[in-house]
Amino acid sequence: MTSEALCEVLSLGRYRYPADEIRLQEEIARALAAAGVAFEREVRLSATDRIDFMVGSLGVEIKVKGASHAVMRQLLRYTEHARITELILFTTHAQIVVPDVLGGKPVSTVLRLSL
């Protein structure tokens, strides 16, 4: 699956719990399953790094709050792992902004303000 196709699936989902990251992750898992997307949840990349979803080599991180610099540091750590070729940040917080490339790997952002 391409990152563009996965971003489209994530964008089209209906999510009821935008402020509760754990429940939002559960709803995203249901949306991915309903779309027929094979995924892994809570994937341990190292002793300290665990990404919310993996779809093939695409890593998906969910953030409902946090400062851009903290999120960027976390995503940058994820780019250090060979298993990840691209990252998608799904966020409900417009203040979280990350560049299109981190650690030499493409990053896409799905921003959902009204869920």
PDB file of N, CA and C in Angstrom:
ATOM      1  N   MET A   1       0.851  -1.174   0.000  1.00  0.00           N
ATOM      2  CA  MET A   1       0.000   0.000   0.000  1.00  0.00           C
ATOM      3  C   MET A   1       0.895   1.233   0.000  1.00  0.00           C
ATOM      4  N   THR A   2       0.533   2.223  -0.787  1.00  0.00           N
ATOM      5  CA  THR A   2       1.298   3.465  -0.822  1.00  0.00           C
ATOM      6  C   THR A   2       0.906   4.361   0.350  1.00  0.00           C
ATOM      7  N   SER A   3       1.779   5.297   0.667  1.00  0.00           N
ATOM      8  CA  SER A   3       1.456   6.230   1.745  1.00  0.00           C
ATOM      9  C   SER A   3       0.270   7.100   1.361  1.00  0.00           C
ATOM     10  N   GLU A   4       0.136   7.435   0.079  1.00  0.00           N
ATOM     11  CA  GLU A   4      -1.010   8.238  -0.373  1.00  0.00           C
ATOM     12  C   GLU A   4      -2.319   7.491  -0.162  1.00  0.00           C
ATOM     13  N   ALA A   5      -2.339   6.218  -0.501  1.00  0.00           N
ATOM     14  CA  ALA A   5      -3.552   5.408  -0.330  1.00  0.00           C
ATOM     15  C   ALA A   5      -3.885   5.251   1.155  1.00  0.00           C
ATOM     16  N   LEU A   6      -2.871   5.047   1.972  1.00  0.00           N
ATOM     17  CA  LEU A   6      -3.111   4.899   3.407  1.00  0.00           C
ATOM     18  C   LEU A   6      -3.607   6.214   4.013  1.00  0.00           C
ATOM     19  N   CYS A   7      -3.045   7.334   3.585  1.00  0.00           N
ATOM     20  CA  CYS A   7      -3.524   8.640   4.063  1.00  0.00           C
ATOM     21  C   CYS A   7      -4.982   8.840   3.683  1.00  0.00           C
ATOM     22  N   GLU A   8      -5.359   8.387   2.504  1.00  0.00           N
ATOM     23  CA  GLU A   8      -6.757   8.503   2.064  1.00  0.00           C
ATOM     24  C   GLU A   8      -7.678   7.681   2.968  1.00  0.00           C
ATOM     25  N   VAL A   9      -7.285   6.453   3.268  1.00  0.00           N
ATOM     26  CA  VAL A   9      -8.085   5.608   4.167  1.00  0.00           C
ATOM     27  C   VAL A   9      -8.228   6.282   5.528  1.00  0.00           C
ATOM     28  N   LEU A  10      -7.115   6.797   6.049  1.00  0.00           N
ATOM     29  CA  LEU A  10      -7.153   7.453   7.356  1.00  0.00           C
ATOM     30  C   LEU A  10      -8.007   8.714   7.327  1.00  0.00           C
ATOM     31  N   SER A  11      -7.968   9.435   6.242  1.00  0.00           N
ATOM     32  CA  SER A  11      -8.736  10.684   6.114  1.00  0.00           C
ATOM     33  C   SER A  11     -10.234  10.440   6.055  1.00  0.00           C
ATOM     34  N   LEU A  12     -10.627   9.315   5.503  1.00  0.00           N
ATOM     35  CA  LEU A  12     -12.054   9.034   5.306  1.00  0.00           C
ATOM     36  C   LEU A  12     -12.735   8.418   6.522  1.00  0.00           C
ATOM     37  N   GLY A  13     -11.956   7.977   7.500  1.00  0.00           N
ATOM     38  CA  GLY A  13     -12.537   7.331   8.673  1.00  0.00           C
ATOM     39  C   GLY A  13     -13.391   8.278   9.501  1.00  0.00           C
ATOM     40  N   ARG A  14     -14.320   7.694  10.231  1.00  0.00           N
ATOM     41  CA  ARG A  14     -15.151   8.453  11.174  1.00  0.00           C
ATOM     42  C   ARG A  14     -14.705   8.093  12.575  1.00  0.00           C
ATOM     43  N   TYR A  15     -14.299   9.106  13.316  1.00  0.00           N
ATOM     44  CA  TYR A  15     -13.709   8.890  14.627  1.00  0.00           C
ATOM     45  C   TYR A  15     -14.459   9.713  15.668  1.00  0.00           C
ATOM     46  N   ARG A  16     -14.859   9.078  16.747  1.00  0.00           N
ATOM     47  CA  ARG A  16     -15.668   9.742  17.768  1.00  0.00           C
ATOM     48  C   ARG A  16     -14.871  10.283  18.940  1.00  0.00           C
ATOM     49  N   TYR A  17     -13.656   9.851  19.128  1.00  0.00           N
ATOM     50  CA  TYR A  17     -12.915  10.194  20.337  1.00  0.00           C
ATOM     51  C   TYR A  17     -11.607  10.921  20.009  1.00  0.00           C
ATOM     52  N   PRO A  18     -11.703  12.148  19.515  1.00  0.00           N
ATOM     53  CA  PRO A  18     -10.489  12.853  19.091  1.00  0.00           C
ATOM     54  C   PRO A  18      -9.546  13.240  20.223  1.00  0.00           C
ATOM     55  N   ALA A  19     -10.038  13.351  21.445  1.00  0.00           N
ATOM     56  CA  ALA A  19      -9.187  13.791  22.551  1.00  0.00           C
ATOM     57  C   ALA A  19      -8.590  12.629  23.335  1.00  0.00           C
ATOM     58  N   ASP A  20      -9.023  11.416  23.077  1.00  0.00           N
ATOM     59  CA  ASP A  20      -8.564  10.232  23.796  1.00  0.00           C
ATOM     60  C   ASP A  20      -7.730   9.386  22.832  1.00  0.00           C
ATOM     61  N   GLU A  21      -6.408   9.485  22.961  1.00  0.00           N
ATOM     62  CA  GLU A  21      -5.529   8.843  21.984  1.00  0.00           C
ATOM     63  C   GLU A  21      -5.714   7.328  21.927  1.00  0.00           C
ATOM     64  N   ILE A  22      -5.924   6.686  23.048  1.00  0.00           N
ATOM     65  CA  ILE A  22      -6.086   5.222  23.054  1.00  0.00           C
ATOM     66  C   ILE A  22      -7.365   4.820  22.331  1.00  0.00           C
ATOM     67  N   ARG A  23      -8.466   5.506  22.628  1.00  0.00           N
ATOM     68  CA  ARG A  23      -9.726   5.177  21.948  1.00  0.00           C
ATOM     69  C   ARG A  23      -9.664   5.549  20.470  1.00  0.00           C
ATOM     70  N   LEU A  24      -8.986   6.637  20.146  1.00  0.00           N
ATOM     71  CA  LEU A  24      -8.811   7.023  18.745  1.00  0.00           C
ATOM     72  C   LEU A  24      -8.016   5.948  18.003  1.00  0.00           C
ATOM     73  N   GLN A  25      -6.988   5.411  18.639  1.00  0.00           N
ATOM     74  CA  GLN A  25      -6.229   4.317  18.025  1.00  0.00           C
ATOM     75  C   GLN A  25      -7.121   3.110  17.757  1.00  0.00           C
ATOM     76  N   GLU A  26      -8.003   2.795  18.692  1.00  0.00           N
ATOM     77  CA  GLU A  26      -8.927   1.676  18.497  1.00  0.00           C
ATOM     78  C   GLU A  26      -9.839   1.929  17.297  1.00  0.00           C
ATOM     79  N   GLU A  27     -10.328   3.151  17.181  1.00  0.00           N
ATOM     80  CA  GLU A  27     -11.195   3.485  16.049  1.00  0.00           C
ATOM     81  C   GLU A  27     -10.434   3.464  14.731  1.00  0.00           C
ATOM     82  N   ILE A  28      -9.193   3.907  14.755  1.00  0.00           N
ATOM     83  CA  ILE A  28      -8.372   3.850  13.539  1.00  0.00           C
ATOM     84  C   ILE A  28      -8.128   2.396  13.156  1.00  0.00           C
ATOM     85  N   ALA A  29      -7.871   1.537  14.133  1.00  0.00           N
ATOM     86  CA  ALA A  29      -7.694   0.111  13.850  1.00  0.00           C
ATOM     87  C   ALA A  29      -8.941  -0.466  13.188  1.00  0.00           C
ATOM     88  N   ARG A  30     -10.125  -0.085  13.688  1.00  0.00           N
ATOM     89  CA  ARG A  30     -11.369  -0.564  13.063  1.00  0.00           C
ATOM     90  C   ARG A  30     -11.513  -0.038  11.631  1.00  0.00           C
ATOM     91  N   ALA A  31     -11.155   1.224  11.414  1.00  0.00           N
ATOM     92  CA  ALA A  31     -11.249   1.813  10.073  1.00  0.00           C
ATOM     93  C   ALA A  31     -10.297   1.112   9.106  1.00  0.00           C
ATOM     94  N   LEU A  32      -9.097   0.821   9.565  1.00  0.00           N
ATOM     95  CA  LEU A  32      -8.139   0.111   8.704  1.00  0.00           C
ATOM     96  C   LEU A  32      -8.644  -1.290   8.375  1.00  0.00           C
ATOM     97  N   ALA A  33      -9.144  -1.990   9.389  1.00  0.00           N
ATOM     98  CA  ALA A  33      -9.665  -3.346   9.168  1.00  0.00           C
ATOM     99  C   ALA A  33     -10.853  -3.319   8.212  1.00  0.00           C
ATOM    100  N   ALA A  34     -11.746  -2.346   8.380  1.00  0.00           N
ATOM    101  CA  ALA A  34     -12.919  -2.240   7.504  1.00  0.00           C
ATOM    102  C   ALA A  34     -12.516  -1.964   6.062  1.00  0.00           C
ATOM    103  N   ALA A  35     -11.395  -1.280   5.879  1.00  0.00           N
ATOM    104  CA  ALA A  35     -10.904  -0.982   4.526  1.00  0.00           C
ATOM    105  C   ALA A  35     -10.059  -2.121   3.971  1.00  0.00           C
ATOM    106  N   GLY A  36      -9.884  -3.181   4.746  1.00  0.00           N
ATOM    107  CA  GLY A  36      -9.111  -4.328   4.282  1.00  0.00           C
ATOM    108  C   GLY A  36      -7.610  -4.119   4.338  1.00  0.00           C
ATOM    109  N   VAL A  37      -7.167  -3.193   5.174  1.00  0.00           N
ATOM    110  CA  VAL A  37      -5.743  -2.891   5.291  1.00  0.00           C
ATOM    111  C   VAL A  37      -5.125  -3.797   6.358  1.00  0.00           C
ATOM    112  N   ALA A  38      -4.111  -4.539   5.976  1.00  0.00           N
ATOM    113  CA  ALA A  38      -3.382  -5.380   6.925  1.00  0.00           C
ATOM    114  C   ALA A  38      -2.432  -4.490   7.722  1.00  0.00           C
ATOM    115  N   PHE A  39      -2.476  -4.591   9.042  1.00  0.00           N
ATOM    116  CA  PHE A  39      -1.648  -3.723   9.881  1.00  0.00           C
ATOM    117  C   PHE A  39      -1.240  -4.454  11.150  1.00  0.00           C
ATOM    118  N   GLU A  40      -0.218  -3.904  11.809  1.00  0.00           N
ATOM    119  CA  GLU A  40       0.207  -4.342  13.129  1.00  0.00           C
ATOM    120  C   GLU A  40       0.035  -3.147  14.056  1.00  0.00           C
ATOM    121  N   ARG A  41      -0.334  -3.413  15.297  1.00  0.00           N
ATOM    122  CA  ARG A  41      -0.519  -2.344  16.287  1.00  0.00           C
ATOM    123  C   ARG A  41       0.541  -2.393  17.357  1.00  0.00           C
ATOM    124  N   GLU A  42       0.881  -1.210  17.867  1.00  0.00           N
ATOM    125  CA  GLU A  42       1.836  -1.089  18.969  1.00  0.00           C
ATOM    126  C   GLU A  42       3.103  -1.904  18.687  1.00  0.00           C
ATOM    127  N   VAL A  43       3.757  -1.564  17.599  1.00  0.00           N
ATOM    128  CA  VAL A  43       4.925  -2.320  17.152  1.00  0.00           C
ATOM    129  C   VAL A  43       6.172  -1.815  17.867  1.00  0.00           C
ATOM    130  N   ARG A  44       6.830  -2.733  18.543  1.00  0.00           N
ATOM    131  CA  ARG A  44       8.061  -2.397  19.258  1.00  0.00           C
ATOM    132  C   ARG A  44       9.204  -2.367  18.245  1.00  0.00           C
ATOM    133  N   LEU A  45       9.801  -1.177  18.097  1.00  0.00           N
ATOM    134  CA  LEU A  45      10.930  -1.002  17.192  1.00  0.00           C
ATOM    135  C   LEU A  45      12.256  -1.186  17.916  1.00  0.00           C
ATOM    136  N   SER A  46      12.255  -0.888  19.211  1.00  0.00           N
ATOM    137  CA  SER A  46      13.430  -1.055  20.060  1.00  0.00           C
ATOM    138  C   SER A  46      12.939  -1.112  21.503  1.00  0.00           C
ATOM    139  N   ALA A  47      13.863  -1.142  22.419  1.00  0.00           N
ATOM    140  CA  ALA A  47      13.479  -1.178  23.832  1.00  0.00           C
ATOM    141  C   ALA A  47      12.742   0.090  24.245  1.00  0.00           C
ATOM    142  N   THR A  48      12.983   1.187  23.554  1.00  0.00           N
ATOM    143  CA  THR A  48      12.361   2.457  23.933  1.00  0.00           C
ATOM    144  C   THR A  48      11.369   3.001  22.916  1.00  0.00           C
ATOM    145  N   ASP A  49      11.346   2.457  21.721  1.00  0.00           N
ATOM    146  CA  ASP A  49      10.478   2.979  20.658  1.00  0.00           C
ATOM    147  C   ASP A  49       9.378   1.988  20.302  1.00  0.00           C
ATOM    148  N   ARG A  50       8.142   2.486  20.348  1.00  0.00           N
ATOM    149  CA  ARG A  50       6.983   1.678  19.965  1.00  0.00           C
ATOM    150  C   ARG A  50       6.062   2.574  19.148  1.00  0.00           C
ATOM    151  N   ILE A  51       5.867   2.212  17.887  1.00  0.00           N
ATOM    152  CA  ILE A  51       5.026   3.005  16.993  1.00  0.00           C
ATOM    153  C   ILE A  51       3.598   2.460  17.038  1.00  0.00           C
ATOM    154  N   ASP A  52       2.631   3.336  16.820  1.00  0.00           N
ATOM    155  CA  ASP A  52       1.228   2.947  16.970  1.00  0.00           C
ATOM    156  C   ASP A  52       0.776   1.904  15.952  1.00  0.00           C
ATOM    157  N   PHE A  53       1.131   2.082  14.683  1.00  0.00           N
ATOM    158  CA  PHE A  53       0.727   1.138  13.637  1.00  0.00           C
ATOM    159  C   PHE A  53       1.858   0.960  12.631  1.00  0.00           C
ATOM    160  N   MET A  54       1.933  -0.221  12.066  1.00  0.00           N
ATOM    161  CA  MET A  54       2.770  -0.484  10.901  1.00  0.00           C
ATOM    162  C   MET A  54       1.880  -1.085   9.828  1.00  0.00           C
ATOM    163  N   VAL A  55       1.982  -0.550   8.634  1.00  0.00           N
ATOM    164  CA  VAL A  55       1.304  -1.091   7.450  1.00  0.00           C
ATOM    165  C   VAL A  55       2.426  -1.377   6.467  1.00  0.00           C
ATOM    166  N   GLY A  56       2.846  -2.627   6.413  1.00  0.00           N
ATOM    167  CA  GLY A  56       4.046  -2.946   5.651  1.00  0.00           C
ATOM    168  C   GLY A  56       5.220  -2.219   6.277  1.00  0.00           C
ATOM    169  N   SER A  57       5.899  -1.396   5.471  1.00  0.00           N
ATOM    170  CA  SER A  57       7.037  -0.621   5.990  1.00  0.00           C
ATOM    171  C   SER A  57       6.653   0.825   6.311  1.00  0.00           C
ATOM    172  N   LEU A  58       5.351   1.115   6.272  1.00  0.00           N
ATOM    173  CA  LEU A  58       4.856   2.450   6.618  1.00  0.00           C
ATOM    174  C   LEU A  58       4.532   2.500   8.102  1.00  0.00           C
ATOM    175  N   GLY A  59       5.130   3.438   8.792  1.00  0.00           N
ATOM    176  CA  GLY A  59       4.835   3.620  10.200  1.00  0.00           C
ATOM    177  C   GLY A  59       3.796   4.707  10.366  1.00  0.00           C
ATOM    178  N   VAL A  60       2.829   4.487  11.256  1.00  0.00           N
ATOM    179  CA  VAL A  60       1.772   5.469  11.518  1.00  0.00           C
ATOM    180  C   VAL A  60       1.789   5.803  13.005  1.00  0.00           C
ATOM    181  N   GLU A  61       1.970   7.079  13.304  1.00  0.00           N
ATOM    182  CA  GLU A  61       1.957   7.549  14.681  1.00  0.00           C
ATOM    183  C   GLU A  61       0.740   8.451  14.875  1.00  0.00           C
ATOM    184  N   ILE A  62       0.024   8.253  15.984  1.00  0.00           N
ATOM    185  CA  ILE A  62      -1.177   9.019  16.302  1.00  0.00           C
ATOM    186  C   ILE A  62      -0.829  10.008  17.412  1.00  0.00           C
ATOM    187  N   LYS A  63      -1.189  11.273  17.211  1.00  0.00           N
ATOM    188  CA  LYS A  63      -0.954  12.294  18.232  1.00  0.00           C
ATOM    189  C   LYS A  63      -2.177  13.196  18.341  1.00  0.00           C
ATOM    190  N   VAL A  64      -2.682  13.350  19.568  1.00  0.00           N
ATOM    191  CA  VAL A  64      -3.795  14.268  19.795  1.00  0.00           C
ATOM    192  C   VAL A  64      -3.337  15.510  20.548  1.00  0.00           C
ATOM    193  N   LYS A  65      -2.131  15.469  21.078  1.00  0.00           N
ATOM    194  CA  LYS A  65      -1.572  16.642  21.749  1.00  0.00           C
ATOM    195  C   LYS A  65      -0.062  16.512  21.742  1.00  0.00           C
ATOM    196  N   GLY A  66       0.576  17.578  22.172  1.00  0.00           N
ATOM    197  CA  GLY A  66       2.027  17.579  22.238  1.00  0.00           C
ATOM    198  C   GLY A  66       2.610  18.714  21.433  1.00  0.00           C
ATOM    199  N   ALA A  67       3.833  19.048  21.735  1.00  0.00           N
ATOM    200  CA  ALA A  67       4.538  20.112  21.027  1.00  0.00           C
ATOM    201  C   ALA A  67       5.184  19.553  19.767  1.00  0.00           C
ATOM    202  N   SER A  68       5.225  20.376  18.726  1.00  0.00           N
ATOM    203  CA  SER A  68       5.804  19.937  17.454  1.00  0.00           C
ATOM    204  C   SER A  68       7.216  19.400  17.628  1.00  0.00           C
ATOM    205  N   HIS A  69       8.044  20.080  18.419  1.00  0.00           N
ATOM    206  CA  HIS A  69       9.432  19.641  18.555  1.00  0.00           C
ATOM    207  C   HIS A  69       9.524  18.276  19.227  1.00  0.00           C
ATOM    208  N   ALA A  70       8.648  17.983  20.174  1.00  0.00           N
ATOM    209  CA  ALA A  70       8.665  16.677  20.837  1.00  0.00           C
ATOM    210  C   ALA A  70       8.203  15.580  19.877  1.00  0.00           C
ATOM    211  N   VAL A  71       7.170  15.872  19.107  1.00  0.00           N
ATOM    212  CA  VAL A  71       6.689  14.902  18.119  1.00  0.00           C
ATOM    213  C   VAL A  71       7.764  14.672  17.060  1.00  0.00           C
ATOM    214  N   MET A  72       8.403  15.757  16.625  1.00  0.00           N
ATOM    215  CA  MET A  72       9.442  15.629  15.614  1.00  0.00           C
ATOM    216  C   MET A  72      10.600  14.773  16.122  1.00  0.00           C
ATOM    217  N   ARG A  73      10.999  14.955  17.370  1.00  0.00           N
ATOM    218  CA  ARG A  73      12.067  14.123  17.941  1.00  0.00           C
ATOM    219  C   ARG A  73      11.668  12.650  17.949  1.00  0.00           C
ATOM    220  N   GLN A  74      10.416  12.385  18.316  1.00  0.00           N
ATOM    221  CA  GLN A  74       9.940  11.004  18.348  1.00  0.00           C
ATOM    222  C   GLN A  74       9.953  10.404  16.945  1.00  0.00           C
ATOM    223  N   LEU A  75       9.415  11.130  15.974  1.00  0.00           N
ATOM    224  CA  LEU A  75       9.397  10.625  14.603  1.00  0.00           C
ATOM    225  C   LEU A  75      10.808  10.451  14.049  1.00  0.00           C
ATOM    226  N   LEU A  76      11.695  11.358  14.404  1.00  0.00           N
ATOM    227  CA  LEU A  76      13.086  11.245  13.959  1.00  0.00           C
ATOM    228  C   LEU A  76      13.725   9.969  14.497  1.00  0.00           C
ATOM    229  N   ARG A  77      13.430   9.628  15.747  1.00  0.00           N
ATOM    230  CA  ARG A  77      13.920   8.350  16.290  1.00  0.00           C
ATOM    231  C   ARG A  77      13.388   7.175  15.468  1.00  0.00           C
ATOM    232  N   TYR A  78      12.115   7.247  15.094  1.00  0.00           N
ATOM    233  CA  TYR A  78      11.525   6.160  14.314  1.00  0.00           C
ATOM    234  C   TYR A  78      12.208   6.001  12.958  1.00  0.00           C
ATOM    235  N   THR A  79      12.660   7.107  12.364  1.00  0.00           N
ATOM    236  CA  THR A  79      13.317   7.012  11.056  1.00  0.00           C
ATOM    237  C   THR A  79      14.646   6.272  11.130  1.00  0.00           C
ATOM    238  N   GLU A  80      15.187   6.137  12.319  1.00  0.00           N
ATOM    239  CA  GLU A  80      16.457   5.430  12.489  1.00  0.00           C
ATOM    240  C   GLU A  80      16.296   3.925  12.355  1.00  0.00           C
ATOM    241  N   HIS A  81      15.070   3.435  12.371  1.00  0.00           N
ATOM    242  CA  HIS A  81      14.826   1.997  12.300  1.00  0.00           C
ATOM    243  C   HIS A  81      14.661   1.559  10.846  1.00  0.00           C
ATOM    244  N   ALA A  82      15.417   0.533  10.478  1.00  0.00           N
ATOM    245  CA  ALA A  82      15.416   0.052   9.091  1.00  0.00           C
ATOM    246  C   ALA A  82      14.045  -0.445   8.654  1.00  0.00           C
ATOM    247  N   ARG A  83      13.238  -0.895   9.577  1.00  0.00           N
ATOM    248  CA  ARG A  83      11.917  -1.432   9.228  1.00  0.00           C
ATOM    249  C   ARG A  83      11.002  -0.356   8.637  1.00  0.00           C
ATOM    250  N   ILE A  84      11.239   0.886   8.979  1.00  0.00           N
ATOM    251  CA  ILE A  84      10.385   1.987   8.528  1.00  0.00           C
ATOM    252  C   ILE A  84      10.991   2.672   7.313  1.00  0.00           C
ATOM    253  N   THR A  85      10.215   2.738   6.228  1.00  0.00           N
ATOM    254  CA  THR A  85      10.658   3.455   5.029  1.00  0.00           C
ATOM    255  C   THR A  85       9.974   4.805   4.886  1.00  0.00           C
ATOM    256  N   GLU A  86       8.774   4.938   5.464  1.00  0.00           N
ATOM    257  CA  GLU A  86       8.020   6.188   5.436  1.00  0.00           C
ATOM    258  C   GLU A  86       7.212   6.285   6.715  1.00  0.00           C
ATOM    259  N   LEU A  87       6.866   7.528   7.085  1.00  0.00           N
ATOM    260  CA  LEU A  87       6.047   7.757   8.267  1.00  0.00           C
ATOM    261  C   LEU A  87       4.802   8.551   7.905  1.00  0.00           C
ATOM    262  N   ILE A  88       3.732   8.255   8.629  1.00  0.00           N
ATOM    263  CA  ILE A  88       2.507   9.046   8.542  1.00  0.00           C
ATOM    264  C   ILE A  88       2.171   9.484   9.957  1.00  0.00           C
ATOM    265  N   LEU A  89       1.978  10.772  10.117  1.00  0.00           N
ATOM    266  CA  LEU A  89       1.530  11.320  11.385  1.00  0.00           C
ATOM    267  C   LEU A  89       0.046  11.625  11.249  1.00  0.00           C
ATOM    268  N   PHE A  90      -0.777  10.989  12.079  1.00  0.00           N
ATOM    269  CA  PHE A  90      -2.210  11.271  12.139  1.00  0.00           C
ATOM    270  C   PHE A  90      -2.410  12.111  13.387  1.00  0.00           C
ATOM    271  N   THR A  91      -2.895  13.335  13.202  1.00  0.00           N
ATOM    272  CA  THR A  91      -3.054  14.211  14.349  1.00  0.00           C
ATOM    273  C   THR A  91      -4.372  14.970  14.302  1.00  0.00           C
ATOM    274  N   THR A  92      -4.858  15.287  15.485  1.00  0.00           N
ATOM    275  CA  THR A  92      -6.061  16.112  15.620  1.00  0.00           C
ATOM    276  C   THR A  92      -5.685  17.498  16.111  1.00  0.00           C
ATOM    277  N   HIS A  93      -4.405  17.763  16.199  1.00  0.00           N
ATOM    278  CA  HIS A  93      -3.892  18.993  16.776  1.00  0.00           C
ATOM    279  C   HIS A  93      -3.167  19.803  15.701  1.00  0.00           C
ATOM    280  N   ALA A  94      -3.769  20.907  15.272  1.00  0.00           N
ATOM    281  CA  ALA A  94      -3.223  21.706  14.172  1.00  0.00           C
ATOM    282  C   ALA A  94      -1.866  22.306  14.494  1.00  0.00           C
ATOM    283  N   GLN A  95      -1.510  22.418  15.770  1.00  0.00           N
ATOM    284  CA  GLN A  95      -0.235  23.023  16.146  1.00  0.00           C
ATOM    285  C   GLN A  95       0.941  22.068  15.946  1.00  0.00           C
ATOM    286  N   ILE A  96       0.668  20.796  15.736  1.00  0.00           N
ATOM    287  CA  ILE A  96       1.752  19.847  15.494  1.00  0.00           C
ATOM    288  C   ILE A  96       2.092  19.881  14.010  1.00  0.00           C
ATOM    289  N   VAL A  97       3.278  20.367  13.720  1.00  0.00           N
ATOM    290  CA  VAL A  97       3.730  20.504  12.336  1.00  0.00           C
ATOM    291  C   VAL A  97       5.092  19.825  12.215  1.00  0.00           C
ATOM    292  N   VAL A  98       5.214  18.955  11.234  1.00  0.00           N
ATOM    293  CA  VAL A  98       6.494  18.293  10.979  1.00  0.00           C
ATOM    294  C   VAL A  98       6.840  18.461   9.503  1.00  0.00           C
ATOM    295  N   PRO A  99       8.119  18.398   9.165  1.00  0.00           N
ATOM    296  CA  PRO A  99       8.521  18.545   7.761  1.00  0.00           C
ATOM    297  C   PRO A  99       8.133  17.327   6.931  1.00  0.00           C
ATOM    298  N   ASP A 100       8.243  17.464   5.628  1.00  0.00           N
ATOM    299  CA  ASP A 100       7.907  16.380   4.690  1.00  0.00           C
ATOM    300  C   ASP A 100       8.955  15.275   4.663  1.00  0.00           C
ATOM    301  N   VAL A 101      10.139  15.560   5.188  1.00  0.00           N
ATOM    302  CA  VAL A 101      11.215  14.564   5.237  1.00  0.00           C
ATOM    303  C   VAL A 101      11.901  14.687   6.592  1.00  0.00           C
ATOM    304  N   LEU A 102      12.080  13.560   7.242  1.00  0.00           N
ATOM    305  CA  LEU A 102      12.826  13.485   8.499  1.00  0.00           C
ATOM    306  C   LEU A 102      13.792  12.317   8.407  1.00  0.00           C
ATOM    307  N   GLY A 103      15.022  12.543   8.781  1.00  0.00           N
ATOM    308  CA  GLY A 103      15.996  11.454   8.760  1.00  0.00           C
ATOM    309  C   GLY A 103      16.121  10.817   7.395  1.00  0.00           C
ATOM    310  N   GLY A 104      15.865  11.592   6.358  1.00  0.00           N
ATOM    311  CA  GLY A 104      15.959  11.086   4.986  1.00  0.00           C
ATOM    312  C   GLY A 104      14.768  10.256   4.548  1.00  0.00           C
ATOM    313  N   LYS A 105      13.727  10.195   5.365  1.00  0.00           N
ATOM    314  CA  LYS A 105      12.542   9.401   5.020  1.00  0.00           C
ATOM    315  C   LYS A 105      11.321  10.309   4.889  1.00  0.00           C
ATOM    316  N   PRO A 106      10.449  10.014   3.919  1.00  0.00           N
ATOM    317  CA  PRO A 106       9.251  10.841   3.718  1.00  0.00           C
ATOM    318  C   PRO A 106       8.294  10.762   4.901  1.00  0.00           C
ATOM    319  N   VAL A 107       7.686  11.906   5.201  1.00  0.00           N
ATOM    320  CA  VAL A 107       6.685  11.993   6.263  1.00  0.00           C
ATOM    321  C   VAL A 107       5.438  12.661   5.690  1.00  0.00           C
ATOM    322  N   SER A 108       4.287  12.031   5.871  1.00  0.00           N
ATOM    323  CA  SER A 108       2.999  12.605   5.479  1.00  0.00           C
ATOM    324  C   SER A 108       2.217  12.906   6.749  1.00  0.00           C
ATOM    325  N   THR A 109       1.368  13.906   6.679  1.00  0.00           N
ATOM    326  CA  THR A 109       0.536  14.256   7.830  1.00  0.00           C
ATOM    327  C   THR A 109      -0.926  14.204   7.443  1.00  0.00           C
ATOM    328  N   VAL A 110      -1.715  13.539   8.268  1.00  0.00           N
ATOM    329  CA  VAL A 110      -3.174  13.545   8.130  1.00  0.00           C
ATOM    330  C   VAL A 110      -3.688  14.345   9.312  1.00  0.00           C
ATOM    331  N   LEU A 111      -4.252  15.504   9.028  1.00  0.00           N
ATOM    332  CA  LEU A 111      -4.791  16.381  10.070  1.00  0.00           C
ATOM    333  C   LEU A 111      -6.290  16.295  10.053  1.00  0.00           C
ATOM    334  N   ARG A 112      -6.858  15.883  11.190  1.00  0.00           N
ATOM    335  CA  ARG A 112      -8.312  15.794  11.338  1.00  0.00           C
ATOM    336  C   ARG A 112      -8.731  16.695  12.479  1.00  0.00           C
ATOM    337  N   LEU A 113      -9.199  17.894  12.146  1.00  0.00           N
ATOM    338  CA  LEU A 113      -9.619  18.848  13.175  1.00  0.00           C
ATOM    339  C   LEU A 113     -10.995  18.515  13.706  1.00  0.00           C
ATOM    340  N   SER A 114     -11.913  18.182  12.813  1.00  0.00           N
ATOM    341  CA  SER A 114     -13.264  17.805  13.245  1.00  0.00           C
ATOM    342  C   SER A 114     -13.444  16.342  12.930  1.00  0.00           C
ATOM    343  N   LEU A 115     -13.610  15.568  13.961  1.00  0.00           N
ATOM    344  CA  LEU A 115     -13.733  14.128  13.795  1.00  0.00           C
ATOM    345  C   LEU A 115     -15.164  13.747  13.976  1.00  0.00           C
TER     346      LEU A 115
END
